[in-house]
Amino acid sequence: MAMNEKLTALDVMRDAPVIPVIVLNDVKDAVPLARALVAGGIRMLEVTLRTPQALQCIEAIAKDVPEAVAGAGTIRSAADAQASALAGAKFGVSPGYTRAVGKACHDLGLPLLPGVATGSEIMTAQEDGYTQLKFFPALQAGGLPMLKAWQGPFGDVTFCPTGGIHAGNAAEFLALSNVACVGGSWIVPTDAIRDGDWARIEQLARAASQLPR
């Protein structure tokens, strides 16, 4: 996908096997972290709106690391979607799905990976035009058996399982035909960010980017 083309949710999912789930407490860490991830082959970056600095971090990445594609995670309202788009986010990820969030992202032209954990939630998201979905919390909501069960009734849906995914089980999820990528925080460890150990993060990203799927 060329960077100047309009991004779709499927583009976000197919770019690399893993979308990092990033929590940043200090704006100064945003740019070096993004550069380390890009150097390791991961450029779709989900910066979660879990800290007061998150929007500033998205803005810094969007401005200073053009090779990265900054996205916003933990979008829970239309206001979150609007603020994320204004900060420069190119895609959004939500822990659940509401029609208000879906409409806001659609109106903003912000590709969204809505979170789902049940068949009813999948059907609601599909009714609103969303077929690339985040399965969250993946392990707690049924894990591999649930995704396999969904292959029949929801064969036209592509999932990004997130929640409990790590280096030891990511390949099992990626092997499923209805999984395009996984989300995880193991490639952005809290202690590595705290210590500014960007080389370690680049190494973890490189290993993740080479996972088979």
N, C-alpha and C. Protein backbone atom coordinates (compact mmCIF):
# COMPACT_ATOMS: atom_id res chain seq x y z
N MET A 1 0.83 -1.20 0.00
CA MET A 1 0.00 0.00 0.00
C MET A 1 0.86 1.25 0.00
N ALA A 2 0.68 2.11 -0.97
CA ALA A 2 1.41 3.38 -0.99
C ALA A 2 0.87 4.28 0.10
N MET A 3 1.76 5.08 0.71
CA MET A 3 1.37 5.88 1.85
C MET A 3 0.38 6.98 1.49
N ASN A 4 0.31 7.35 0.23
CA ASN A 4 -0.59 8.43 -0.15
C ASN A 4 -1.99 7.92 -0.54
N GLU A 5 -2.16 6.60 -0.58
CA GLU A 5 -3.47 6.05 -0.87
C GLU A 5 -4.35 6.13 0.37
N LYS A 6 -5.67 6.13 0.15
CA LYS A 6 -6.58 6.16 1.29
C LYS A 6 -6.51 4.83 2.04
N LEU A 7 -6.26 4.94 3.31
CA LEU A 7 -6.09 3.76 4.16
C LEU A 7 -7.45 3.12 4.44
N THR A 8 -7.48 1.79 4.45
CA THR A 8 -8.68 1.06 4.86
C THR A 8 -8.34 0.22 6.09
N ALA A 9 -9.38 -0.26 6.76
CA ALA A 9 -9.15 -1.12 7.91
C ALA A 9 -8.39 -2.38 7.53
N LEU A 10 -8.67 -2.90 6.34
CA LEU A 10 -7.97 -4.09 5.87
C LEU A 10 -6.49 -3.81 5.63
N ASP A 11 -6.18 -2.61 5.13
CA ASP A 11 -4.77 -2.21 4.97
C ASP A 11 -4.06 -2.24 6.32
N VAL A 12 -4.73 -1.72 7.33
CA VAL A 12 -4.14 -1.68 8.68
C VAL A 12 -3.85 -3.09 9.15
N MET A 13 -4.78 -3.99 8.93
CA MET A 13 -4.63 -5.36 9.41
C MET A 13 -3.59 -6.15 8.63
N ARG A 14 -3.46 -5.86 7.36
CA ARG A 14 -2.57 -6.68 6.52
C ARG A 14 -1.13 -6.17 6.48
N ASP A 15 -0.88 -4.99 7.02
CA ASP A 15 0.44 -4.40 6.87
C ASP A 15 1.53 -5.22 7.56
N ALA A 16 1.23 -5.73 8.74
CA ALA A 16 2.19 -6.55 9.49
C ALA A 16 1.41 -7.54 10.33
N PRO A 17 2.04 -8.61 10.79
CA PRO A 17 1.31 -9.60 11.58
C PRO A 17 0.82 -9.09 12.94
N VAL A 18 1.46 -8.03 13.44
CA VAL A 18 1.14 -7.54 14.79
C VAL A 18 0.90 -6.03 14.77
N ILE A 19 -0.17 -5.60 15.44
CA ILE A 19 -0.38 -4.17 15.72
C ILE A 19 -0.01 -3.96 17.19
N PRO A 20 1.01 -3.16 17.48
CA PRO A 20 1.38 -2.96 18.87
C PRO A 20 0.35 -2.13 19.61
N VAL A 21 0.02 -2.56 20.82
CA VAL A 21 -0.90 -1.82 21.69
C VAL A 21 -0.03 -1.00 22.64
N ILE A 22 0.01 0.31 22.39
CA ILE A 22 1.00 1.18 23.02
C ILE A 22 0.37 2.05 24.09
N VAL A 23 0.99 2.08 25.27
CA VAL A 23 0.59 2.99 26.34
C VAL A 23 1.77 3.91 26.63
N LEU A 24 1.58 5.20 26.41
CA LEU A 24 2.67 6.16 26.60
C LEU A 24 2.32 7.16 27.70
N ASN A 25 3.24 7.33 28.62
CA ASN A 25 3.05 8.28 29.72
C ASN A 25 3.86 9.55 29.55
N ASP A 26 4.74 9.58 28.56
CA ASP A 26 5.61 10.74 28.35
C ASP A 26 5.74 11.00 26.86
N VAL A 27 5.44 12.22 26.46
CA VAL A 27 5.48 12.57 25.03
C VAL A 27 6.87 12.38 24.44
N LYS A 28 7.89 12.55 25.25
CA LYS A 28 9.27 12.44 24.73
C LYS A 28 9.58 11.03 24.23
N ASP A 29 8.81 10.03 24.68
CA ASP A 29 9.06 8.65 24.26
C ASP A 29 8.40 8.32 22.93
N ALA A 30 7.45 9.13 22.49
CA ALA A 30 6.61 8.77 21.34
C ALA A 30 7.43 8.60 20.06
N VAL A 31 8.24 9.59 19.74
CA VAL A 31 8.96 9.57 18.46
C VAL A 31 10.03 8.47 18.43
N PRO A 32 10.90 8.37 19.47
CA PRO A 32 11.90 7.28 19.40
C PRO A 32 11.27 5.89 19.41
N LEU A 33 10.14 5.74 20.11
CA LEU A 33 9.45 4.44 20.10
C LEU A 33 8.95 4.14 18.70
N ALA A 34 8.30 5.11 18.07
CA ALA A 34 7.77 4.90 16.72
C ALA A 34 8.90 4.57 15.75
N ARG A 35 10.01 5.26 15.86
CA ARG A 35 11.15 5.01 14.96
C ARG A 35 11.70 3.59 15.17
N ALA A 36 11.74 3.14 16.42
CA ALA A 36 12.24 1.78 16.70
C ALA A 36 11.31 0.73 16.10
N LEU A 37 10.00 0.95 16.23
CA LEU A 37 9.03 0.00 15.69
C LEU A 37 9.10 -0.05 14.17
N VAL A 38 9.19 1.11 13.54
CA VAL A 38 9.28 1.17 12.08
C VAL A 38 10.56 0.48 11.60
N ALA A 39 11.66 0.72 12.32
CA ALA A 39 12.93 0.07 11.95
C ALA A 39 12.83 -1.44 12.04
N GLY A 40 11.95 -1.92 12.94
CA GLY A 40 11.75 -3.36 13.09
C GLY A 40 10.70 -3.93 12.16
N GLY A 41 10.11 -3.08 11.33
CA GLY A 41 9.15 -3.57 10.34
C GLY A 41 7.69 -3.42 10.72
N ILE A 42 7.42 -2.68 11.80
CA ILE A 42 6.04 -2.46 12.25
C ILE A 42 5.72 -0.98 12.12
N ARG A 43 4.73 -0.63 11.29
CA ARG A 43 4.44 0.80 11.11
C ARG A 43 3.01 1.21 11.46
N MET A 44 2.10 0.24 11.63
CA MET A 44 0.75 0.56 12.10
C MET A 44 0.78 0.56 13.63
N LEU A 45 0.68 1.74 14.22
CA LEU A 45 0.93 1.88 15.65
C LEU A 45 -0.34 2.33 16.38
N GLU A 46 -0.85 1.49 17.24
CA GLU A 46 -2.04 1.83 18.02
C GLU A 46 -1.63 2.47 19.34
N VAL A 47 -1.76 3.77 19.43
CA VAL A 47 -1.48 4.50 20.67
C VAL A 47 -2.79 4.61 21.44
N THR A 48 -2.88 3.95 22.57
CA THR A 48 -4.14 3.89 23.30
C THR A 48 -4.42 5.20 24.04
N LEU A 49 -5.69 5.56 24.08
CA LEU A 49 -6.10 6.78 24.77
C LEU A 49 -6.31 6.49 26.26
N ARG A 50 -5.28 5.90 26.85
CA ARG A 50 -5.38 5.52 28.27
C ARG A 50 -4.62 6.49 29.17
N THR A 51 -3.91 7.42 28.59
CA THR A 51 -3.15 8.38 29.38
C THR A 51 -3.47 9.79 28.90
N PRO A 52 -3.27 10.78 29.76
CA PRO A 52 -3.54 12.16 29.36
C PRO A 52 -2.66 12.64 28.21
N GLN A 53 -1.52 11.99 28.01
CA GLN A 53 -0.56 12.41 26.99
C GLN A 53 -0.80 11.75 25.63
N ALA A 54 -1.76 10.84 25.55
CA ALA A 54 -1.90 10.00 24.36
C ALA A 54 -2.09 10.82 23.08
N LEU A 55 -2.96 11.81 23.10
CA LEU A 55 -3.22 12.59 21.89
C LEU A 55 -1.98 13.36 21.46
N GLN A 56 -1.23 13.88 22.41
CA GLN A 56 0.03 14.58 22.07
C GLN A 56 1.03 13.61 21.47
N CYS A 57 1.03 12.39 21.96
CA CYS A 57 1.94 11.36 21.42
C CYS A 57 1.58 11.03 19.99
N ILE A 58 0.28 10.88 19.71
CA ILE A 58 -0.18 10.62 18.34
C ILE A 58 0.25 11.77 17.43
N GLU A 59 0.06 12.99 17.92
CA GLU A 59 0.42 14.17 17.13
C GLU A 59 1.92 14.20 16.82
N ALA A 60 2.73 13.86 17.82
CA ALA A 60 4.19 13.87 17.63
C ALA A 60 4.62 12.82 16.61
N ILE A 61 4.02 11.62 16.70
CA ILE A 61 4.37 10.56 15.74
C ILE A 61 3.94 10.96 14.34
N ALA A 62 2.71 11.47 14.21
CA ALA A 62 2.20 11.87 12.89
C ALA A 62 3.07 12.95 12.26
N LYS A 63 3.60 13.83 13.08
CA LYS A 63 4.40 14.96 12.57
C LYS A 63 5.84 14.57 12.26
N ASP A 64 6.43 13.78 13.16
CA ASP A 64 7.88 13.57 13.08
C ASP A 64 8.31 12.20 12.56
N VAL A 65 7.38 11.26 12.42
CA VAL A 65 7.75 9.93 11.92
C VAL A 65 6.81 9.59 10.76
N PRO A 66 7.03 10.20 9.59
CA PRO A 66 6.10 10.01 8.47
C PRO A 66 6.03 8.57 7.98
N GLU A 67 7.05 7.76 8.26
CA GLU A 67 7.02 6.35 7.82
C GLU A 67 6.04 5.53 8.66
N ALA A 68 5.70 6.03 9.85
CA ALA A 68 4.76 5.33 10.72
C ALA A 68 3.34 5.76 10.38
N VAL A 69 2.38 4.92 10.74
CA VAL A 69 0.97 5.26 10.61
C VAL A 69 0.39 5.24 12.03
N ALA A 70 0.22 6.43 12.57
CA ALA A 70 -0.27 6.54 13.95
C ALA A 70 -1.77 6.31 13.99
N GLY A 71 -2.18 5.42 14.88
CA GLY A 71 -3.59 5.17 15.10
C GLY A 71 -3.93 5.39 16.56
N ALA A 72 -5.22 5.50 16.86
CA ALA A 72 -5.68 5.72 18.23
C ALA A 72 -6.45 4.50 18.71
N GLY A 73 -6.06 3.98 19.86
CA GLY A 73 -6.78 2.88 20.47
C GLY A 73 -7.65 3.38 21.62
N THR A 74 -8.48 2.47 22.14
CA THR A 74 -9.38 2.79 23.25
C THR A 74 -10.32 3.94 22.90
N ILE A 75 -10.77 3.99 21.65
CA ILE A 75 -11.80 4.97 21.26
C ILE A 75 -13.14 4.47 21.81
N ARG A 76 -13.74 5.27 22.69
CA ARG A 76 -14.99 4.84 23.34
C ARG A 76 -16.16 5.79 23.07
N SER A 77 -15.90 6.87 22.35
CA SER A 77 -16.97 7.84 22.10
C SER A 77 -16.69 8.57 20.79
N ALA A 78 -17.72 9.27 20.29
CA ALA A 78 -17.54 10.10 19.10
C ALA A 78 -16.50 11.18 19.37
N ALA A 79 -16.49 11.71 20.60
CA ALA A 79 -15.51 12.75 20.96
C ALA A 79 -14.09 12.21 20.88
N ASP A 80 -13.89 10.97 21.33
CA ASP A 80 -12.56 10.34 21.22
C ASP A 80 -12.14 10.25 19.76
N ALA A 81 -13.07 9.84 18.91
CA ALA A 81 -12.76 9.70 17.48
C ALA A 81 -12.38 11.04 16.87
N GLN A 82 -13.13 12.07 17.21
CA GLN A 82 -12.86 13.41 16.67
C GLN A 82 -11.51 13.94 17.15
N ALA A 83 -11.24 13.78 18.44
CA ALA A 83 -9.97 14.25 18.99
C ALA A 83 -8.79 13.50 18.37
N SER A 84 -8.97 12.21 18.15
CA SER A 84 -7.90 11.39 17.56
C SER A 84 -7.60 11.83 16.13
N ALA A 85 -8.67 12.04 15.36
CA ALA A 85 -8.47 12.48 13.97
C ALA A 85 -7.79 13.84 13.92
N LEU A 86 -8.18 14.73 14.82
CA LEU A 86 -7.55 16.06 14.87
C LEU A 86 -6.07 15.97 15.23
N ALA A 87 -5.73 14.99 16.06
CA ALA A 87 -4.33 14.81 16.47
C ALA A 87 -3.48 14.19 15.37
N GLY A 88 -4.14 13.66 14.32
CA GLY A 88 -3.39 13.07 13.22
C GLY A 88 -3.49 11.57 13.11
N ALA A 89 -4.37 10.95 13.92
CA ALA A 89 -4.55 9.50 13.82
C ALA A 89 -5.11 9.13 12.45
N LYS A 90 -4.58 8.07 11.87
CA LYS A 90 -5.03 7.60 10.55
C LYS A 90 -5.96 6.40 10.64
N PHE A 91 -6.10 5.82 11.82
CA PHE A 91 -7.07 4.75 12.03
C PHE A 91 -7.42 4.72 13.50
N GLY A 92 -8.52 4.03 13.81
CA GLY A 92 -8.96 3.92 15.19
C GLY A 92 -9.24 2.48 15.56
N VAL A 93 -9.13 2.21 16.85
CA VAL A 93 -9.43 0.88 17.39
C VAL A 93 -10.26 1.10 18.65
N SER A 94 -11.34 0.34 18.79
CA SER A 94 -12.19 0.50 19.97
C SER A 94 -12.29 -0.82 20.74
N PRO A 95 -12.45 -0.75 22.06
CA PRO A 95 -12.55 -1.98 22.86
C PRO A 95 -13.89 -2.68 22.71
N GLY A 96 -14.90 -1.93 22.26
CA GLY A 96 -16.23 -2.48 22.01
C GLY A 96 -16.81 -1.75 20.82
N TYR A 97 -18.11 -1.94 20.58
CA TYR A 97 -18.72 -1.25 19.45
C TYR A 97 -20.02 -0.58 19.84
N THR A 98 -20.15 0.69 19.49
CA THR A 98 -21.44 1.38 19.57
C THR A 98 -21.68 2.05 18.22
N ARG A 99 -22.94 2.23 17.91
CA ARG A 99 -23.26 2.84 16.61
C ARG A 99 -22.77 4.28 16.56
N ALA A 100 -22.72 4.96 17.72
CA ALA A 100 -22.23 6.34 17.75
C ALA A 100 -20.76 6.41 17.36
N VAL A 101 -19.97 5.47 17.87
CA VAL A 101 -18.55 5.42 17.50
C VAL A 101 -18.40 5.05 16.03
N GLY A 102 -19.17 4.07 15.59
CA GLY A 102 -19.09 3.65 14.19
C GLY A 102 -19.43 4.79 13.24
N LYS A 103 -20.48 5.53 13.55
CA LYS A 103 -20.90 6.64 12.69
C LYS A 103 -19.87 7.75 12.71
N ALA A 104 -19.34 8.06 13.89
CA ALA A 104 -18.35 9.14 13.99
C ALA A 104 -17.12 8.82 13.15
N CYS A 105 -16.63 7.60 13.24
CA CYS A 105 -15.45 7.22 12.46
C CYS A 105 -15.76 7.22 10.97
N HIS A 106 -16.95 6.75 10.60
CA HIS A 106 -17.35 6.76 9.20
C HIS A 106 -17.40 8.19 8.67
N ASP A 107 -18.02 9.09 9.46
CA ASP A 107 -18.15 10.48 9.02
C ASP A 107 -16.79 11.19 8.93
N LEU A 108 -15.86 10.77 9.79
CA LEU A 108 -14.52 11.37 9.79
C LEU A 108 -13.61 10.76 8.72
N GLY A 109 -14.05 9.64 8.12
CA GLY A 109 -13.18 8.93 7.19
C GLY A 109 -12.04 8.23 7.91
N LEU A 110 -12.29 7.87 9.17
CA LEU A 110 -11.26 7.23 9.99
C LEU A 110 -11.51 5.73 10.01
N PRO A 111 -10.65 4.94 9.36
CA PRO A 111 -10.84 3.48 9.38
C PRO A 111 -10.88 2.99 10.83
N LEU A 112 -11.84 2.12 11.13
CA LEU A 112 -12.04 1.66 12.50
C LEU A 112 -11.99 0.15 12.58
N LEU A 113 -11.29 -0.35 13.60
CA LEU A 113 -11.34 -1.77 13.96
C LEU A 113 -12.16 -1.83 15.25
N PRO A 114 -13.46 -2.11 15.16
CA PRO A 114 -14.30 -2.13 16.35
C PRO A 114 -14.10 -3.41 17.14
N GLY A 115 -14.14 -3.29 18.46
CA GLY A 115 -14.01 -4.46 19.31
C GLY A 115 -15.31 -5.23 19.43
N VAL A 116 -15.23 -6.54 19.31
CA VAL A 116 -16.40 -7.43 19.47
C VAL A 116 -15.99 -8.64 20.29
N ALA A 117 -16.98 -9.20 21.01
CA ALA A 117 -16.73 -10.42 21.77
C ALA A 117 -17.85 -11.43 21.65
N THR A 118 -18.93 -11.04 20.94
CA THR A 118 -20.09 -11.94 20.79
C THR A 118 -20.61 -11.90 19.36
N GLY A 119 -21.42 -12.90 19.02
CA GLY A 119 -22.03 -12.94 17.70
C GLY A 119 -22.94 -11.75 17.45
N SER A 120 -23.67 -11.33 18.46
CA SER A 120 -24.57 -10.19 18.30
C SER A 120 -23.80 -8.91 18.00
N GLU A 121 -22.65 -8.74 18.65
CA GLU A 121 -21.83 -7.55 18.40
C GLU A 121 -21.26 -7.57 16.98
N ILE A 122 -20.87 -8.75 16.52
CA ILE A 122 -20.38 -8.88 15.14
C ILE A 122 -21.49 -8.48 14.17
N MET A 123 -22.70 -8.97 14.40
CA MET A 123 -23.81 -8.67 13.50
C MET A 123 -24.15 -7.17 13.50
N THR A 124 -24.10 -6.54 14.67
CA THR A 124 -24.36 -5.09 14.74
C THR A 124 -23.31 -4.32 13.96
N ALA A 125 -22.04 -4.68 14.15
CA ALA A 125 -20.96 -3.99 13.42
C ALA A 125 -21.11 -4.22 11.91
N GLN A 126 -21.45 -5.44 11.53
CA GLN A 126 -21.64 -5.75 10.10
C GLN A 126 -22.78 -4.93 9.49
N GLU A 127 -23.86 -4.79 10.24
CA GLU A 127 -25.00 -4.00 9.75
C GLU A 127 -24.57 -2.57 9.41
N ASP A 128 -23.56 -2.09 10.15
CA ASP A 128 -23.07 -0.72 9.94
C ASP A 128 -21.89 -0.66 8.98
N GLY A 129 -21.59 -1.79 8.34
CA GLY A 129 -20.58 -1.79 7.29
C GLY A 129 -19.19 -2.20 7.73
N TYR A 130 -19.05 -2.69 8.95
CA TYR A 130 -17.73 -3.06 9.45
C TYR A 130 -17.55 -4.58 9.39
N THR A 131 -16.55 -5.01 8.63
CA THR A 131 -16.27 -6.45 8.51
C THR A 131 -14.84 -6.81 8.92
N GLN A 132 -14.04 -5.81 9.27
CA GLN A 132 -12.71 -6.04 9.84
C GLN A 132 -12.81 -5.65 11.31
N LEU A 133 -12.75 -6.64 12.18
CA LEU A 133 -13.08 -6.42 13.59
C LEU A 133 -11.96 -6.88 14.52
N LYS A 134 -11.92 -6.21 15.66
CA LYS A 134 -10.99 -6.60 16.73
C LYS A 134 -11.74 -7.56 17.67
N PHE A 135 -11.19 -8.73 17.90
CA PHE A 135 -11.77 -9.68 18.86
C PHE A 135 -11.12 -9.41 20.20
N PHE A 136 -11.91 -8.87 21.14
CA PHE A 136 -11.34 -8.42 22.42
C PHE A 136 -12.35 -8.64 23.54
N PRO A 137 -11.86 -9.09 24.72
CA PRO A 137 -10.51 -9.59 25.01
C PRO A 137 -10.39 -11.04 24.54
N ALA A 138 -9.49 -11.28 23.65
CA ALA A 138 -9.46 -12.53 22.89
C ALA A 138 -9.41 -13.79 23.76
N LEU A 139 -8.43 -13.87 24.64
CA LEU A 139 -8.31 -15.09 25.43
C LEU A 139 -9.49 -15.26 26.37
N GLN A 140 -9.87 -14.19 27.04
CA GLN A 140 -10.95 -14.26 28.02
C GLN A 140 -12.31 -14.52 27.36
N ALA A 141 -12.46 -14.14 26.10
CA ALA A 141 -13.75 -14.28 25.41
C ALA A 141 -13.87 -15.56 24.58
N GLY A 142 -12.89 -16.44 24.70
CA GLY A 142 -13.03 -17.73 24.01
C GLY A 142 -11.83 -18.14 23.17
N GLY A 143 -10.92 -17.21 22.89
CA GLY A 143 -9.68 -17.54 22.23
C GLY A 143 -9.81 -18.26 20.90
N LEU A 144 -8.91 -19.19 20.67
CA LEU A 144 -8.87 -19.93 19.40
C LEU A 144 -10.17 -20.69 19.12
N PRO A 145 -10.76 -21.40 20.10
CA PRO A 145 -12.00 -22.12 19.81
C PRO A 145 -13.13 -21.20 19.34
N MET A 146 -13.22 -20.00 19.92
CA MET A 146 -14.27 -19.07 19.51
C MET A 146 -14.04 -18.62 18.07
N LEU A 147 -12.82 -18.26 17.73
CA LEU A 147 -12.53 -17.82 16.36
C LEU A 147 -12.81 -18.94 15.36
N LYS A 148 -12.49 -20.17 15.72
CA LYS A 148 -12.77 -21.31 14.83
C LYS A 148 -14.28 -21.48 14.66
N ALA A 149 -15.03 -21.30 15.76
CA ALA A 149 -16.48 -21.44 15.69
C ALA A 149 -17.11 -20.37 14.80
N TRP A 150 -16.51 -19.19 14.79
CA TRP A 150 -17.04 -18.08 14.00
C TRP A 150 -16.74 -18.22 12.51
N GLN A 151 -15.83 -19.12 12.15
CA GLN A 151 -15.48 -19.26 10.73
C GLN A 151 -16.68 -19.66 9.88
N GLY A 152 -17.62 -20.39 10.45
CA GLY A 152 -18.81 -20.80 9.71
C GLY A 152 -19.79 -19.67 9.49
N PRO A 153 -20.43 -19.17 10.57
CA PRO A 153 -21.45 -18.14 10.39
C PRO A 153 -20.91 -16.79 9.97
N PHE A 154 -19.65 -16.52 10.28
CA PHE A 154 -19.07 -15.21 9.96
C PHE A 154 -17.85 -15.36 9.07
N GLY A 155 -18.01 -16.15 8.01
CA GLY A 155 -16.90 -16.42 7.11
C GLY A 155 -16.43 -15.20 6.34
N ASP A 156 -17.24 -14.14 6.31
CA ASP A 156 -16.87 -12.92 5.58
C ASP A 156 -16.27 -11.86 6.49
N VAL A 157 -15.94 -12.24 7.73
CA VAL A 157 -15.37 -11.29 8.70
C VAL A 157 -13.91 -11.63 8.95
N THR A 158 -13.09 -10.59 9.05
CA THR A 158 -11.66 -10.76 9.35
C THR A 158 -11.38 -10.18 10.73
N PHE A 159 -10.63 -10.91 11.52
CA PHE A 159 -10.42 -10.51 12.92
C PHE A 159 -8.97 -10.16 13.24
N CYS A 160 -8.85 -9.26 14.22
CA CYS A 160 -7.56 -8.97 14.86
C CYS A 160 -7.74 -9.28 16.34
N PRO A 161 -7.44 -10.52 16.76
CA PRO A 161 -7.57 -10.83 18.18
C PRO A 161 -6.57 -10.07 19.03
N THR A 162 -7.03 -9.52 20.12
CA THR A 162 -6.20 -8.72 21.02
C THR A 162 -6.64 -9.02 22.46
N GLY A 163 -5.67 -9.11 23.35
CA GLY A 163 -5.97 -9.41 24.74
C GLY A 163 -5.48 -10.79 25.11
N GLY A 164 -4.32 -10.84 25.75
CA GLY A 164 -3.73 -12.13 26.11
C GLY A 164 -2.86 -12.73 25.02
N ILE A 165 -2.64 -11.98 23.93
CA ILE A 165 -1.77 -12.48 22.86
C ILE A 165 -0.33 -12.12 23.19
N HIS A 166 0.57 -13.08 22.97
CA HIS A 166 1.99 -12.85 23.26
C HIS A 166 2.83 -13.64 22.25
N ALA A 167 4.15 -13.51 22.38
CA ALA A 167 5.05 -14.15 21.42
C ALA A 167 4.85 -15.67 21.37
N GLY A 168 4.41 -16.25 22.49
CA GLY A 168 4.26 -17.70 22.55
C GLY A 168 3.01 -18.25 21.90
N ASN A 169 1.97 -17.41 21.74
CA ASN A 169 0.74 -17.94 21.15
C ASN A 169 0.29 -17.20 19.90
N ALA A 170 1.00 -16.13 19.52
CA ALA A 170 0.58 -15.32 18.37
C ALA A 170 0.47 -16.16 17.10
N ALA A 171 1.43 -17.04 16.87
CA ALA A 171 1.46 -17.82 15.63
C ALA A 171 0.22 -18.71 15.50
N GLU A 172 -0.30 -19.24 16.63
CA GLU A 172 -1.50 -20.07 16.59
C GLU A 172 -2.70 -19.27 16.09
N PHE A 173 -2.82 -18.04 16.55
CA PHE A 173 -3.92 -17.18 16.11
C PHE A 173 -3.75 -16.79 14.64
N LEU A 174 -2.53 -16.44 14.27
CA LEU A 174 -2.27 -16.00 12.90
C LEU A 174 -2.48 -17.12 11.88
N ALA A 175 -2.43 -18.37 12.34
CA ALA A 175 -2.62 -19.51 11.43
C ALA A 175 -4.08 -19.67 11.01
N LEU A 176 -5.01 -19.04 11.73
CA LEU A 176 -6.43 -19.17 11.40
C LEU A 176 -6.77 -18.36 10.16
N SER A 177 -7.66 -18.90 9.33
CA SER A 177 -7.99 -18.25 8.06
C SER A 177 -8.73 -16.93 8.25
N ASN A 178 -9.41 -16.75 9.38
CA ASN A 178 -10.17 -15.52 9.59
C ASN A 178 -9.42 -14.50 10.45
N VAL A 179 -8.13 -14.72 10.65
CA VAL A 179 -7.29 -13.78 11.40
C VAL A 179 -6.26 -13.18 10.46
N ALA A 180 -6.27 -11.85 10.37
CA ALA A 180 -5.31 -11.15 9.50
C ALA A 180 -4.09 -10.68 10.27
N CYS A 181 -4.28 -10.37 11.55
CA CYS A 181 -3.17 -9.91 12.39
C CYS A 181 -3.61 -10.06 13.83
N VAL A 182 -2.70 -9.81 14.75
CA VAL A 182 -3.05 -9.81 16.17
C VAL A 182 -2.61 -8.48 16.77
N GLY A 183 -3.21 -8.13 17.89
CA GLY A 183 -2.78 -6.96 18.63
C GLY A 183 -2.10 -7.39 19.90
N GLY A 184 -1.05 -6.68 20.29
CA GLY A 184 -0.36 -7.09 21.51
C GLY A 184 0.59 -6.03 22.03
N SER A 185 0.87 -6.13 23.31
CA SER A 185 1.77 -5.15 23.93
C SER A 185 3.15 -5.72 24.21
N TRP A 186 3.35 -7.02 23.85
CA TRP A 186 4.64 -7.63 24.21
C TRP A 186 5.81 -7.01 23.44
N ILE A 187 5.54 -6.36 22.31
CA ILE A 187 6.66 -5.77 21.57
C ILE A 187 6.97 -4.34 22.04
N VAL A 188 6.15 -3.85 22.98
CA VAL A 188 6.41 -2.51 23.55
C VAL A 188 6.38 -2.60 25.08
N PRO A 189 7.31 -3.37 25.67
CA PRO A 189 7.27 -3.58 27.12
C PRO A 189 7.41 -2.26 27.89
N THR A 190 6.67 -2.16 28.98
CA THR A 190 6.68 -0.94 29.80
C THR A 190 8.09 -0.59 30.26
N ASP A 191 8.86 -1.61 30.68
CA ASP A 191 10.20 -1.31 31.21
C ASP A 191 11.14 -0.85 30.10
N ALA A 192 10.97 -1.37 28.88
CA ALA A 192 11.82 -0.94 27.77
C ALA A 192 11.53 0.52 27.41
N ILE A 193 10.25 0.90 27.43
CA ILE A 193 9.90 2.30 27.16
C ILE A 193 10.46 3.19 28.27
N ARG A 194 10.27 2.75 29.51
CA ARG A 194 10.77 3.54 30.65
C ARG A 194 12.28 3.76 30.57
N ASP A 195 12.99 2.70 30.17
CA ASP A 195 14.46 2.77 30.13
C ASP A 195 14.99 3.34 28.82
N GLY A 196 14.09 3.62 27.87
CA GLY A 196 14.55 4.12 26.57
C GLY A 196 15.35 3.07 25.80
N ASP A 197 15.00 1.81 26.02
CA ASP A 197 15.73 0.72 25.36
C ASP A 197 15.11 0.47 23.99
N TRP A 198 15.37 1.41 23.08
CA TRP A 198 14.76 1.34 21.75
C TRP A 198 15.31 0.19 20.92
N ALA A 199 16.55 -0.20 21.19
CA ALA A 199 17.14 -1.33 20.46
C ALA A 199 16.39 -2.62 20.77
N ARG A 200 16.00 -2.79 22.02
CA ARG A 200 15.23 -3.98 22.40
C ARG A 200 13.86 -3.97 21.72
N ILE A 201 13.23 -2.82 21.68
CA ILE A 201 11.91 -2.72 21.04
C ILE A 201 12.03 -2.98 19.53
N GLU A 202 13.08 -2.47 18.92
CA GLU A 202 13.30 -2.74 17.49
C GLU A 202 13.47 -4.24 17.26
N GLN A 203 14.21 -4.90 18.14
CA GLN A 203 14.43 -6.34 18.01
C GLN A 203 13.12 -7.11 18.16
N LEU A 204 12.31 -6.74 19.15
CA LEU A 204 11.01 -7.40 19.35
C LEU A 204 10.09 -7.16 18.16
N ALA A 205 10.12 -5.95 17.63
CA ALA A 205 9.30 -5.63 16.45
C ALA A 205 9.74 -6.45 15.24
N ARG A 206 11.04 -6.60 15.07
CA ARG A 206 11.53 -7.35 13.92
C ARG A 206 11.07 -8.81 14.02
N ALA A 207 11.16 -9.38 15.20
CA ALA A 207 10.71 -10.76 15.37
C ALA A 207 9.21 -10.87 15.10
N ALA A 208 8.43 -9.91 15.56
CA ALA A 208 6.98 -9.93 15.35
C ALA A 208 6.63 -9.76 13.89
N SER A 209 7.38 -8.91 13.20
CA SER A 209 7.08 -8.64 11.79
C SER A 209 7.34 -9.86 10.90
N GLN A 210 8.10 -10.81 11.42
CA GLN A 210 8.44 -12.00 10.65
C GLN A 210 7.61 -13.22 11.02
N LEU A 211 6.61 -13.02 11.88
CA LEU A 211 5.73 -14.14 12.24
C LEU A 211 4.98 -14.62 10.99
N PRO A 212 4.85 -15.91 10.78
CA PRO A 212 4.13 -16.43 9.61
C PRO A 212 2.63 -16.21 9.76
N ARG A 213 1.96 -16.01 8.64
CA ARG A 213 0.49 -15.91 8.64
C ARG A 213 -0.04 -16.31 7.28
